[in-house]
PDB file of N, CA and C in Angstrom:
ATOM      1  N   MET A   1     102.841  27.094 207.973  1.00  0.00           N
ATOM      2  CA  MET A   1     102.211  26.131 207.392  1.00  0.00           C
ATOM      3  C   MET A   1     101.423  26.290 206.142  1.00  0.00           C
ATOM      4  N   LYS A   2     100.464  27.243 206.226  1.00  0.00           N
ATOM      5  CA  LYS A   2      99.895  27.850 205.027  1.00  0.00           C
ATOM      6  C   LYS A   2     100.825  27.846 203.837  1.00  0.00           C
ATOM      7  N   PHE A   3     102.069  28.550 203.807  1.00  0.00           N
ATOM      8  CA  PHE A   3     102.916  28.618 202.712  1.00  0.00           C
ATOM      9  C   PHE A   3     103.395  27.188 202.360  1.00  0.00           C
ATOM     10  N   GLY A   4     103.378  26.054 203.313  1.00  0.00           N
ATOM     11  CA  GLY A   4     103.894  25.058 202.661  1.00  0.00           C
ATOM     12  C   GLY A   4     102.489  24.239 201.987  1.00  0.00           C
ATOM     13  N   THR A   5     101.715  24.473 202.444  1.00  0.00           N
ATOM     14  CA  THR A   5     100.461  23.948 201.733  1.00  0.00           C
ATOM     15  C   THR A   5     100.297  24.487 200.211  1.00  0.00           C
ATOM     16  N   ARG A   6     100.592  26.084 199.882  1.00  0.00           N
ATOM     17  CA  ARG A   6     100.397  26.604 198.588  1.00  0.00           C
ATOM     18  C   ARG A   6     101.169  25.977 197.878  1.00  0.00           C
ATOM     19  N   ARG A   7     102.565  25.700 198.492  1.00  0.00           N
ATOM     20  CA  ARG A   7     103.837  25.451 197.335  1.00  0.00           C
ATOM     21  C   ARG A   7     103.514  23.886 197.192  1.00  0.00           C
ATOM     22  N   SER A   8     102.902  23.006 197.913  1.00  0.00           N
ATOM     23  CA  SER A   8     102.551  21.744 197.547  1.00  0.00           C
ATOM     24  C   SER A   8     101.573  21.936 196.585  1.00  0.00           C
ATOM     25  N   VAL A   9     100.617  22.514 196.735  1.00  0.00           N
ATOM     26  CA  VAL A   9      99.566  22.700 195.667  1.00  0.00           C
ATOM     27  C   VAL A   9     100.351  22.958 194.401  1.00  0.00           C
ATOM     28  N   ALA A  10     101.004  23.887 194.312  1.00  0.00           N
ATOM     29  CA  ALA A  10     101.518  24.554 193.188  1.00  0.00           C
ATOM     30  C   ALA A  10     102.210  23.592 192.500  1.00  0.00           C
ATOM     31  N   VAL A  11     103.110  22.736 193.354  1.00  0.00           N
ATOM     32  CA  VAL A  11     104.097  21.704 192.516  1.00  0.00           C
ATOM     33  C   VAL A  11     103.235  20.538 192.210  1.00  0.00           C
ATOM     34  N   LEU A  12     102.029  20.284 192.766  1.00  0.00           N
ATOM     35  CA  LEU A  12     100.885  19.482 192.061  1.00  0.00           C
ATOM     36  C   LEU A  12     100.392  19.654 190.828  1.00  0.00           C
ATOM     37  N   ALA A  13      99.909  21.044 190.850  1.00  0.00           N
ATOM     38  CA  ALA A  13      99.358  21.603 189.745  1.00  0.00           C
ATOM     39  C   ALA A  13     100.621  21.571 188.471  1.00  0.00           C
ATOM     40  N   ALA A  14     101.524  21.882 188.822  1.00  0.00           N
ATOM     41  CA  ALA A  14     102.945  21.752 187.757  1.00  0.00           C
ATOM     42  C   ALA A  14     102.817  20.527 187.154  1.00  0.00           C
ATOM     43  N   GLY A  15     102.929  19.492 188.218  1.00  0.00           N
ATOM     44  CA  GLY A  15     103.365  18.240 187.879  1.00  0.00           C
ATOM     45  C   GLY A  15     102.040  17.616 186.889  1.00  0.00           C
ATOM     46  N   MET A  16     101.019  18.036 187.323  1.00  0.00           N
ATOM     47  CA  MET A  16      99.700  17.614 186.456  1.00  0.00           C
ATOM     48  C   MET A  16      99.682  17.970 185.300  1.00  0.00           C
ATOM     49  N   GLY A  17     100.307  19.440 185.255  1.00  0.00           N
ATOM     50  CA  GLY A  17     100.292  20.044 183.620  1.00  0.00           C
ATOM     51  C   GLY A  17     101.316  19.172 182.997  1.00  0.00           C
ATOM     52  N   VAL A  18     102.534  18.820 183.513  1.00  0.00           N
ATOM     53  CA  VAL A  18     103.543  18.039 182.499  1.00  0.00           C
ATOM     54  C   VAL A  18     102.950  16.747 182.222  1.00  0.00           C
ATOM     55  N   PHE A  19     102.043  16.129 183.128  1.00  0.00           N
ATOM     56  CA  PHE A  19     101.417  14.986 182.847  1.00  0.00           C
ATOM     57  C   PHE A  19     100.547  14.966 181.816  1.00  0.00           C
ATOM     58  N   ALA A  20      99.824  15.904 181.832  1.00  0.00           N
ATOM     59  CA  ALA A  20      98.631  16.312 180.735  1.00  0.00           C
ATOM     60  C   ALA A  20      99.105  16.406 179.461  1.00  0.00           C
ATOM     61  N   ALA A  21     100.352  17.327 179.354  1.00  0.00           N
ATOM     62  CA  ALA A  21     101.020  17.713 178.326  1.00  0.00           C
ATOM     63  C   ALA A  21     101.591  16.464 177.588  1.00  0.00           C
ATOM     64  N   SER A  22     102.084  15.239 178.409  1.00  0.00           N
ATOM     65  CA  SER A  22     102.904  14.260 178.009  1.00  0.00           C
ATOM     66  C   SER A  22     101.579  13.442 177.098  1.00  0.00           C
ATOM     67  N   LEU A  23     100.356  13.442 177.784  1.00  0.00           N
ATOM     68  CA  LEU A  23      99.376  12.594 177.185  1.00  0.00           C
ATOM     69  C   LEU A  23      98.735  13.336 176.166  1.00  0.00           C
ATOM     70  N   SER A  24      98.783  14.319 176.012  1.00  0.00           N
ATOM     71  CA  SER A  24      98.294  15.019 174.751  1.00  0.00           C
ATOM     72  C   SER A  24      99.445  15.137 173.604  1.00  0.00           C
ATOM     73  N   SER A  25     100.439  14.888 173.775  1.00  0.00           N
ATOM     74  CA  SER A  25     101.657  14.771 172.674  1.00  0.00           C
ATOM     75  C   SER A  25     101.864  13.403 172.342  1.00  0.00           C
ATOM     76  N   ALA A  26     101.221  12.618 172.960  1.00  0.00           N
ATOM     77  CA  ALA A  26     101.295  11.136 172.432  1.00  0.00           C
ATOM     78  C   ALA A  26     100.584  10.655 171.408  1.00  0.00           C
ATOM     79  N   PRO A  27     101.247  10.000 170.588  1.00  0.00           N
ATOM     80  CA  PRO A  27     100.190   9.690 169.138  1.00  0.00           C
ATOM     81  C   PRO A  27      99.234   8.704 169.384  1.00  0.00           C
ATOM     82  N   ALA A  28      98.249   9.162 169.028  1.00  0.00           N
ATOM     83  CA  ALA A  28      96.951   8.043 168.867  1.00  0.00           C
ATOM     84  C   ALA A  28      97.274   6.857 168.236  1.00  0.00           C
ATOM     85  N   ALA A  29      96.581   5.782 168.518  1.00  0.00           N
ATOM     86  CA  ALA A  29      96.983   4.508 168.001  1.00  0.00           C
ATOM     87  C   ALA A  29      96.001   4.407 166.591  1.00  0.00           C
ATOM     88  N   GLN A  30      96.545   4.903 165.494  1.00  0.00           N
ATOM     89  CA  GLN A  30      95.680   4.796 164.306  1.00  0.00           C
ATOM     90  C   GLN A  30      96.698   4.508 163.113  1.00  0.00           C
ATOM     91  N   ALA A  31      95.907   3.891 162.140  1.00  0.00           N
ATOM     92  CA  ALA A  31      96.699   3.294 161.102  1.00  0.00           C
ATOM     93  C   ALA A  31      96.824   4.500 159.899  1.00  0.00           C
ATOM     94  N   ASP A  32      96.014   5.406 159.959  1.00  0.00           N
ATOM     95  CA  ASP A  32      96.174   6.590 158.725  1.00  0.00           C
ATOM     96  C   ASP A  32      95.597   7.737 159.246  1.00  0.00           C
ATOM     97  N   SER A  33      95.476   8.923 158.672  1.00  0.00           N
ATOM     98  CA  SER A  33      95.635   9.870 158.955  1.00  0.00           C
ATOM     99  C   SER A  33      93.769  10.170 159.134  1.00  0.00           C
ATOM    100  N   LEU A  34      92.885   9.309 158.904  1.00  0.00           N
ATOM    101  CA  LEU A  34      91.627   9.337 158.715  1.00  0.00           C
ATOM    102  C   LEU A  34      91.321   8.521 160.194  1.00  0.00           C
ATOM    103  N   GLY A  35      91.867   8.145 160.975  1.00  0.00           N
ATOM    104  CA  GLY A  35      91.740   7.210 162.147  1.00  0.00           C
ATOM    105  C   GLY A  35      91.236   5.901 162.123  1.00  0.00           C
ATOM    106  N   CYS A  36      91.539   5.163 161.023  1.00  0.00           N
ATOM    107  CA  CYS A  36      91.162   3.753 160.906  1.00  0.00           C
ATOM    108  C   CYS A  36      92.143   2.895 162.141  1.00  0.00           C
ATOM    109  N   PRO A  37      91.534   2.531 162.851  1.00  0.00           N
ATOM    110  CA  PRO A  37      92.138   1.657 163.843  1.00  0.00           C
ATOM    111  C   PRO A  37      92.655   0.158 163.498  1.00  0.00           C
ATOM    112  N   VAL A  38      94.099  -0.103 164.094  1.00  0.00           N
ATOM    113  CA  VAL A  38      94.698  -1.261 163.461  1.00  0.00           C
ATOM    114  C   VAL A  38      93.794  -2.473 163.736  1.00  0.00           C
ATOM    115  N   ALA A  39      93.656  -3.294 162.616  1.00  0.00           N
ATOM    116  CA  ALA A  39      92.969  -4.631 162.489  1.00  0.00           C
ATOM    117  C   ALA A  39      91.787  -4.681 162.173  1.00  0.00           C
ATOM    118  N   TYR A  40      91.524  -3.196 161.563  1.00  0.00           N
ATOM    119  CA  TYR A  40      90.026  -2.965 161.039  1.00  0.00           C
ATOM    120  C   TYR A  40      90.199  -2.762 159.302  1.00  0.00           C
ATOM    121  N   VAL A  41      89.096  -2.834 158.594  1.00  0.00           N
ATOM    122  CA  VAL A  41      88.977  -2.231 157.312  1.00  0.00           C
ATOM    123  C   VAL A  41      87.977  -1.167 157.453  1.00  0.00           C
ATOM    124  N   CYS A  42      88.120   0.118 156.797  1.00  0.00           N
ATOM    125  CA  CYS A  42      87.374   1.277 157.214  1.00  0.00           C
ATOM    126  C   CYS A  42      87.027   1.564 156.037  1.00  0.00           C
ATOM    127  N   PHE A  43      85.698   2.074 155.787  1.00  0.00           N
ATOM    128  CA  PHE A  43      84.998   2.650 154.425  1.00  0.00           C
ATOM    129  C   PHE A  43      84.824   4.153 154.805  1.00  0.00           C
ATOM    130  N   TYR A  44      84.987   5.199 153.694  1.00  0.00           N
ATOM    131  CA  TYR A  44      84.894   6.661 153.790  1.00  0.00           C
ATOM    132  C   TYR A  44      83.682   7.152 152.712  1.00  0.00           C
ATOM    133  N   SER A  45      83.183   8.047 153.183  1.00  0.00           N
ATOM    134  CA  SER A  45      82.264   8.677 152.094  1.00  0.00           C
ATOM    135  C   SER A  45      83.261   9.903 151.195  1.00  0.00           C
ATOM    136  N   ALA A  46      82.981  10.133 150.026  1.00  0.00           N
ATOM    137  CA  ALA A  46      83.481  11.118 149.632  1.00  0.00           C
ATOM    138  C   ALA A  46      83.973  12.459 150.237  1.00  0.00           C
ATOM    139  N   ASP A  47      83.411  12.740 151.653  1.00  0.00           N
ATOM    140  CA  ASP A  47      84.068  13.922 152.097  1.00  0.00           C
ATOM    141  C   ASP A  47      84.993  13.517 153.437  1.00  0.00           C
ATOM    142  N   GLY A  48      85.159  12.133 153.179  1.00  0.00           N
ATOM    143  CA  GLY A  48      86.276  11.708 154.120  1.00  0.00           C
ATOM    144  C   GLY A  48      85.473  11.147 155.543  1.00  0.00           C
ATOM    145  N   ALA A  49      84.134  11.117 155.784  1.00  0.00           N
ATOM    146  CA  ALA A  49      83.609  10.825 156.997  1.00  0.00           C
ATOM    147  C   ALA A  49      83.796   9.160 156.934  1.00  0.00           C
ATOM    148  N   THR A  50      83.944   8.437 157.978  1.00  0.00           N
ATOM    149  CA  THR A  50      83.943   7.109 158.280  1.00  0.00           C
ATOM    150  C   THR A  50      82.634   6.824 157.866  1.00  0.00           C
ATOM    151  N   THR A  51      82.156   5.561 156.987  1.00  0.00           N
ATOM    152  CA  THR A  51      80.827   5.238 157.139  1.00  0.00           C
ATOM    153  C   THR A  51      80.840   3.860 157.780  1.00  0.00           C
ATOM    154  N   GLY A  52      81.757   3.118 158.114  1.00  0.00           N
ATOM    155  CA  GLY A  52      81.942   1.625 158.678  1.00  0.00           C
ATOM    156  C   GLY A  52      83.262   1.344 158.934  1.00  0.00           C
ATOM    157  N   TYR A  53      83.379   0.365 159.966  1.00  0.00           N
ATOM    158  CA  TYR A  53      84.607  -0.588 160.386  1.00  0.00           C
ATOM    159  C   TYR A  53      84.244  -1.997 160.063  1.00  0.00           C
ATOM    160  N   PHE A  54      85.130  -2.718 159.861  1.00  0.00           N
ATOM    161  CA  PHE A  54      84.719  -4.263 159.585  1.00  0.00           C
ATOM    162  C   PHE A  54      86.003  -4.916 160.139  1.00  0.00           C
ATOM    163  N   GLN A  55      85.934  -6.032 160.900  1.00  0.00           N
ATOM    164  CA  GLN A  55      87.226  -6.710 161.794  1.00  0.00           C
ATOM    165  C   GLN A  55      87.230  -8.271 161.352  1.00  0.00           C
ATOM    166  N   ASP A  56      86.026  -8.745 161.144  1.00  0.00           N
ATOM    167  CA  ASP A  56      86.069 -10.280 161.416  1.00  0.00           C
ATOM    168  C   ASP A  56      86.382 -10.958 160.194  1.00  0.00           C
ATOM    169  N   ILE A  57      87.000 -12.064 160.017  1.00  0.00           N
ATOM    170  CA  ILE A  57      87.257 -12.894 159.287  1.00  0.00           C
ATOM    171  C   ILE A  57      86.343 -13.635 158.587  1.00  0.00           C
ATOM    172  N   THR A  58      85.895 -13.805 157.588  1.00  0.00           N
ATOM    173  CA  THR A  58      84.547 -14.665 157.152  1.00  0.00           C
ATOM    174  C   THR A  58      84.599 -15.415 155.972  1.00  0.00           C
ATOM    175  N   ALA A  59      84.078 -16.435 155.951  1.00  0.00           N
ATOM    176  CA  ALA A  59      84.227 -17.280 154.705  1.00  0.00           C
ATOM    177  C   ALA A  59      82.856 -16.860 153.775  1.00  0.00           C
ATOM    178  N   THR A  60      82.263 -16.090 153.994  1.00  0.00           N
ATOM    179  CA  THR A  60      81.238 -15.481 152.981  1.00  0.00           C
ATOM    180  C   THR A  60      81.090 -14.082 153.210  1.00  0.00           C
ATOM    181  N   TRP A  61      80.644 -13.284 152.144  1.00  0.00           N
ATOM    182  CA  TRP A  61      80.407 -11.859 152.064  1.00  0.00           C
ATOM    183  C   TRP A  61      79.565 -11.411 153.321  1.00  0.00           C
ATOM    184  N   GLN A  62      80.072 -10.256 153.740  1.00  0.00           N
ATOM    185  CA  GLN A  62      79.171  -9.267 154.731  1.00  0.00           C
ATOM    186  C   GLN A  62      78.758  -8.091 153.739  1.00  0.00           C
ATOM    187  N   THR A  63      77.564  -7.851 153.621  1.00  0.00           N
ATOM    188  CA  THR A  63      76.619  -6.971 153.222  1.00  0.00           C
ATOM    189  C   THR A  63      76.928  -5.710 153.906  1.00  0.00           C
ATOM    190  N   LEU A  64      77.507  -4.540 153.143  1.00  0.00           N
ATOM    191  CA  LEU A  64      77.711  -3.002 153.565  1.00  0.00           C
ATOM    192  C   LEU A  64      76.221  -2.627 153.423  1.00  0.00           C
ATOM    193  N   SER A  65      76.025  -1.746 154.495  1.00  0.00           N
ATOM    194  CA  SER A  65      74.709  -1.029 154.793  1.00  0.00           C
ATOM    195  C   SER A  65      75.138   0.439 154.659  1.00  0.00           C
ATOM    196  N   ALA A  66      75.739   0.833 155.704  1.00  0.00           N
ATOM    197  CA  ALA A  66      75.887   2.390 155.759  1.00  0.00           C
ATOM    198  C   ALA A  66      77.222   2.962 154.879  1.00  0.00           C
ATOM    199  N   SER A  67      78.128   1.679 154.624  1.00  0.00           N
ATOM    200  CA  SER A  67      79.225   1.731 153.674  1.00  0.00           C
ATOM    201  C   SER A  67      79.060   1.723 152.373  1.00  0.00           C
ATOM    202  N   ARG A  68      77.804   1.114 151.894  1.00  0.00           N
ATOM    203  CA  ARG A  68      77.355   0.618 150.526  1.00  0.00           C
ATOM    204  C   ARG A  68      77.389   2.017 149.486  1.00  0.00           C
ATOM    205  N   GLY A  69      78.428   2.113 148.588  1.00  0.00           N
ATOM    206  CA  GLY A  69      78.770   3.000 147.771  1.00  0.00           C
ATOM    207  C   GLY A  69      79.682   3.933 148.178  1.00  0.00           C
ATOM    208  N   ALA A  70      80.661   3.576 149.298  1.00  0.00           N
ATOM    209  CA  ALA A  70      81.838   4.298 149.759  1.00  0.00           C
ATOM    210  C   ALA A  70      82.589   4.645 148.802  1.00  0.00           C
ATOM    211  N   ALA A  71      83.244   5.781 148.795  1.00  0.00           N
ATOM    212  CA  ALA A  71      84.399   6.239 147.967  1.00  0.00           C
ATOM    213  C   ALA A  71      85.449   5.719 148.162  1.00  0.00           C
ATOM    214  N   ALA A  72      85.977   5.564 149.377  1.00  0.00           N
ATOM    215  CA  ALA A  72      87.339   4.899 149.827  1.00  0.00           C
ATOM    216  C   ALA A  72      87.233   3.968 150.547  1.00  0.00           C
ATOM    217  N   VAL A  73      88.433   3.158 150.820  1.00  0.00           N
ATOM    218  CA  VAL A  73      88.722   2.236 151.886  1.00  0.00           C
ATOM    219  C   VAL A  73      90.006   2.267 152.170  1.00  0.00           C
ATOM    220  N   PHE A  74      90.402   1.976 153.507  1.00  0.00           N
ATOM    221  CA  PHE A  74      91.696   1.522 154.107  1.00  0.00           C
ATOM    222  C   PHE A  74      91.733   0.176 154.946  1.00  0.00           C
ATOM    223  N   ASN A  75      92.530  -0.577 154.454  1.00  0.00           N
ATOM    224  CA  ASN A  75      92.855  -1.864 155.200  1.00  0.00           C
ATOM    225  C   ASN A  75      93.784  -1.540 156.162  1.00  0.00           C
ATOM    226  N   ALA A  76      93.591  -1.401 157.350  1.00  0.00           N
ATOM    227  CA  ALA A  76      94.498  -1.149 158.756  1.00  0.00           C
ATOM    228  C   ALA A  76      94.834  -2.514 159.347  1.00  0.00           C
ATOM    229  N   ARG A  77      94.523  -3.767 158.628  1.00  0.00           N
ATOM    230  CA  ARG A  77      94.915  -4.957 159.368  1.00  0.00           C
ATOM    231  C   ARG A  77      96.293  -5.291 158.910  1.00  0.00           C
ATOM    232  N   LEU A  78      97.062  -6.027 159.723  1.00  0.00           N
ATOM    233  CA  LEU A  78      98.358  -6.213 159.439  1.00  0.00           C
ATOM    234  C   LEU A  78      98.898  -7.391 158.615  1.00  0.00           C
ATOM    235  N   ARG A  79      97.932  -8.551 158.479  1.00  0.00           N
ATOM    236  CA  ARG A  79      98.244  -9.611 157.634  1.00  0.00           C
ATOM    237  C   ARG A  79      96.853  -9.957 156.863  1.00  0.00           C
ATOM    238  N   ASN A  80      95.815  -9.713 156.751  1.00  0.00           N
ATOM    239  CA  ASN A  80      94.706  -9.962 155.999  1.00  0.00           C
ATOM    240  C   ASN A  80      94.182  -9.080 155.106  1.00  0.00           C
ATOM    241  N   GLY A  81      93.745  -9.565 153.731  1.00  0.00           N
ATOM    242  CA  GLY A  81      93.313  -8.578 152.628  1.00  0.00           C
ATOM    243  C   GLY A  81      91.905  -8.617 152.977  1.00  0.00           C
ATOM    244  N   ALA A  82      91.499  -7.669 152.166  1.00  0.00           N
ATOM    245  CA  ALA A  82      90.108  -7.277 152.167  1.00  0.00           C
ATOM    246  C   ALA A  82      89.371  -7.565 150.723  1.00  0.00           C
ATOM    247  N   LEU A  83      88.531  -8.470 150.292  1.00  0.00           N
ATOM    248  CA  LEU A  83      88.200  -8.603 149.199  1.00  0.00           C
ATOM    249  C   LEU A  83      86.574  -7.793 149.072  1.00  0.00           C
ATOM    250  N   LEU A  84      86.742  -7.077 147.999  1.00  0.00           N
ATOM    251  CA  LEU A  84      85.707  -5.902 147.894  1.00  0.00           C
ATOM    252  C   LEU A  84      84.625  -6.386 146.865  1.00  0.00           C
ATOM    253  N   HIS A  85      83.134  -6.545 146.973  1.00  0.00           N
ATOM    254  CA  HIS A  85      82.481  -6.767 145.662  1.00  0.00           C
ATOM    255  C   HIS A  85      81.648  -5.621 145.587  1.00  0.00           C
ATOM    256  N   PHE A  86      81.504  -5.456 144.057  1.00  0.00           N
ATOM    257  CA  PHE A  86      80.529  -4.354 143.742  1.00  0.00           C
ATOM    258  C   PHE A  86      79.439  -4.846 143.025  1.00  0.00           C
ATOM    259  N   THR A  87      78.318  -3.963 142.843  1.00  0.00           N
ATOM    260  CA  THR A  87      77.236  -4.307 142.256  1.00  0.00           C
ATOM    261  C   THR A  87      77.498  -4.841 140.817  1.00  0.00           C
ATOM    262  N   ASN A  88      78.132  -4.318 140.373  1.00  0.00           N
ATOM    263  CA  ASN A  88      78.447  -4.737 138.700  1.00  0.00           C
ATOM    264  C   ASN A  88      79.094  -6.231 138.615  1.00  0.00           C
ATOM    265  N   GLY A  89      79.615  -6.672 139.743  1.00  0.00           N
ATOM    266  CA  GLY A  89      80.172  -8.130 139.726  1.00  0.00           C
ATOM    267  C   GLY A  89      81.602  -8.149 139.599  1.00  0.00           C
ATOM    268  N   ALA A  90      82.099  -6.921 139.558  1.00  0.00           N
ATOM    269  CA  ALA A  90      83.726  -6.762 139.859  1.00  0.00           C
ATOM    270  C   ALA A  90      84.118  -6.945 141.121  1.00  0.00           C
ATOM    271  N   THR A  91      85.127  -7.483 141.579  1.00  0.00           N
ATOM    272  CA  THR A  91      85.800  -7.538 142.903  1.00  0.00           C
ATOM    273  C   THR A  91      87.287  -6.948 143.049  1.00  0.00           C
ATOM    274  N   ARG A  92      87.626  -6.686 144.017  1.00  0.00           N
ATOM    275  CA  ARG A  92      89.120  -5.791 144.096  1.00  0.00           C
ATOM    276  C   ARG A  92      89.639  -6.439 145.654  1.00  0.00           C
ATOM    277  N   CYS A  93      90.815  -6.660 145.603  1.00  0.00           N
ATOM    278  CA  CYS A  93      91.639  -6.966 146.899  1.00  0.00           C
ATOM    279  C   CYS A  93      92.217  -5.429 147.250  1.00  0.00           C
ATOM    280  N   VAL A  94      91.996  -5.414 148.587  1.00  0.00           N
ATOM    281  CA  VAL A  94      92.813  -4.325 149.344  1.00  0.00           C
ATOM    282  C   VAL A  94      93.638  -5.062 150.187  1.00  0.00           C
ATOM    283  N   ARG A  95      95.090  -4.777 149.905  1.00  0.00           N
ATOM    284  CA  ARG A  95      95.912  -5.285 150.664  1.00  0.00           C
ATOM    285  C   ARG A  95      96.461  -4.903 152.123  1.00  0.00           C
ATOM    286  N   PRO A  96      96.851  -5.470 153.341  1.00  0.00           N
ATOM    287  CA  PRO A  96      96.968  -4.756 154.184  1.00  0.00           C
ATOM    288  C   PRO A  96      97.940  -3.692 154.116  1.00  0.00           C
ATOM    289  N   GLY A  97      97.489  -2.488 154.794  1.00  0.00           N
ATOM    290  CA  GLY A  97      98.147  -1.069 154.605  1.00  0.00           C
ATOM    291  C   GLY A  97      97.706  -0.495 153.417  1.00  0.00           C
ATOM    292  N   GLU A  98      96.909  -0.955 152.634  1.00  0.00           N
ATOM    293  CA  GLU A  98      96.553  -0.311 151.442  1.00  0.00           C
ATOM    294  C   GLU A  98      95.414   0.675 151.459  1.00  0.00           C
ATOM    295  N   ASN A  99      95.294   1.734 150.938  1.00  0.00           N
ATOM    296  CA  ASN A  99      94.296   2.965 150.815  1.00  0.00           C
ATOM    297  C   ASN A  99      93.984   2.571 149.182  1.00  0.00           C
ATOM    298  N   ARG A 100      92.461   2.804 148.864  1.00  0.00           N
ATOM    299  CA  ARG A 100      91.861   2.860 147.528  1.00  0.00           C
ATOM    300  C   ARG A 100      91.072   4.218 147.731  1.00  0.00           C
ATOM    301  N   ASN A 101      90.877   4.822 146.984  1.00  0.00           N
ATOM    302  CA  ASN A 101      89.998   5.889 146.895  1.00  0.00           C
ATOM    303  C   ASN A 101      89.336   6.125 145.692  1.00  0.00           C
ATOM    304  N   ASP A 102      89.424   4.931 144.971  1.00  0.00           N
ATOM    305  CA  ASP A 102      88.753   4.982 143.329  1.00  0.00           C
ATOM    306  C   ASP A 102      87.605   3.948 143.339  1.00  0.00           C
ATOM    307  N   LEU A 103      87.134   3.638 144.572  1.00  0.00           N
ATOM    308  CA  LEU A 103      85.966   2.860 144.424  1.00  0.00           C
ATOM    309  C   LEU A 103      84.708   3.172 143.732  1.00  0.00           C
ATOM    310  N   ARG A 104      84.459   4.368 143.311  1.00  0.00           N
ATOM    311  CA  ARG A 104      83.202   4.902 142.714  1.00  0.00           C
ATOM    312  C   ARG A 104      83.692   4.845 141.272  1.00  0.00           C
ATOM    313  N   LYS A 105      84.659   4.706 140.880  1.00  0.00           N
ATOM    314  CA  LYS A 105      85.118   4.622 139.379  1.00  0.00           C
ATOM    315  C   LYS A 105      84.768   3.049 138.973  1.00  0.00           C
ATOM    316  N   ILE A 106      85.057   2.234 140.061  1.00  0.00           N
ATOM    317  CA  ILE A 106      85.057   0.613 139.654  1.00  0.00           C
ATOM    318  C   ILE A 106      83.520   0.364 139.720  1.00  0.00           C
ATOM    319  N   GLY A 107      82.741   1.122 140.505  1.00  0.00           N
ATOM    320  CA  GLY A 107      81.382   0.861 140.708  1.00  0.00           C
ATOM    321  C   GLY A 107      80.642   0.953 142.166  1.00  0.00           C
ATOM    322  N   THR A 108      79.653   0.261 142.428  1.00  0.00           N
ATOM    323  CA  THR A 108      79.199   0.358 144.050  1.00  0.00           C
ATOM    324  C   THR A 108      79.407  -0.640 144.678  1.00  0.00           C
ATOM    325  N   VAL A 109      80.560  -0.388 145.673  1.00  0.00           N
ATOM    326  CA  VAL A 109      80.755  -1.443 146.674  1.00  0.00           C
ATOM    327  C   VAL A 109      79.502  -1.842 147.390  1.00  0.00           C
ATOM    328  N   ASP A 110      79.439  -2.955 147.396  1.00  0.00           N
ATOM    329  CA  ASP A 110      78.181  -3.558 148.289  1.00  0.00           C
ATOM    330  C   ASP A 110      78.590  -4.415 149.414  1.00  0.00           C
ATOM    331  N   LYS A 111      79.654  -5.068 149.310  1.00  0.00           N
ATOM    332  CA  LYS A 111      80.145  -6.578 150.234  1.00  0.00           C
ATOM    333  C   LYS A 111      81.481  -6.246 150.267  1.00  0.00           C
ATOM    334  N   ILE A 112      81.970  -6.801 151.401  1.00  0.00           N
ATOM    335  CA  ILE A 112      83.363  -7.022 152.139  1.00  0.00           C
ATOM    336  C   ILE A 112      83.373  -8.635 152.622  1.00  0.00           C
ATOM    337  N   ARG A 113      84.785  -8.995 152.246  1.00  0.00           N
ATOM    338  CA  ARG A 113      85.015 -10.333 152.935  1.00  0.00           C
ATOM    339  C   ARG A 113      86.458 -10.238 153.275  1.00  0.00           C
ATOM    340  N   ILE A 114      86.791 -10.326 154.517  1.00  0.00           N
ATOM    341  CA  ILE A 114      88.348 -10.144 154.976  1.00  0.00           C
ATOM    342  C   ILE A 114      88.803 -11.727 155.160  1.00  0.00           C
ATOM    343  N   VAL A 115      89.899 -11.941 154.405  1.00  0.00           N
ATOM    344  CA  VAL A 115      90.485 -13.242 154.278  1.00  0.00           C
ATOM    345  C   VAL A 115      91.751 -13.507 154.899  1.00  0.00           C
ATOM    346  N   THR A 116      91.784 -14.735 154.815  1.00  0.00           N
ATOM    347  CA  THR A 116      93.384 -14.868 155.989  1.00  0.00           C
ATOM    348  C   THR A 116      94.652 -14.570 154.921  1.00  0.00           C
ATOM    349  N   SER A 117      94.267 -14.421 153.808  1.00  0.00           N
ATOM    350  CA  SER A 117      95.563 -14.123 152.893  1.00  0.00           C
ATOM    351  C   SER A 117      95.789 -12.636 152.744  1.00  0.00           C
ATOM    352  N   ASP A 118      97.093 -12.142 152.512  1.00  0.00           N
ATOM    353  CA  ASP A 118      97.225 -10.617 152.356  1.00  0.00           C
ATOM    354  C   ASP A 118      96.692 -10.342 151.068  1.00  0.00           C
ATOM    355  N   ASN A 119      96.715 -11.346 149.863  1.00  0.00           N
ATOM    356  CA  ASN A 119      96.735 -10.749 148.853  1.00  0.00           C
ATOM    357  C   ASN A 119      95.430 -11.473 148.049  1.00  0.00           C
ATOM    358  N   CYS A 120      94.551 -11.776 149.140  1.00  0.00           N
ATOM    359  CA  CYS A 120      92.924 -12.330 148.689  1.00  0.00           C
ATOM    360  C   CYS A 120      92.904 -13.604 148.006  1.00  0.00           C
TER     361      CYS A 120
END
């Protein structure tokens, strides 16, 4: 009986190892290499750290706090554009699936508005 118990434990352990390996090899649900979840617009600092995530479609601007002055943005939404506002009055549209790493060349990003159109 002891032998059968050891064998069952060994088979169970081997099965759990295969299960764990299959979980670790499954791709994570992310839109890009920086981990922006689908349906979000994500902002990043110059060193690639995420500074904020935005999801809501709004009729007015959302003020950026931690993401103010971000270096890059990724729009992981499937159908909605993200309109960015800069302190110098400039605006830029970030289309679905688009990554922009030139924000600081444009100015200091300070607001976002996610819109229903993909081209803002």
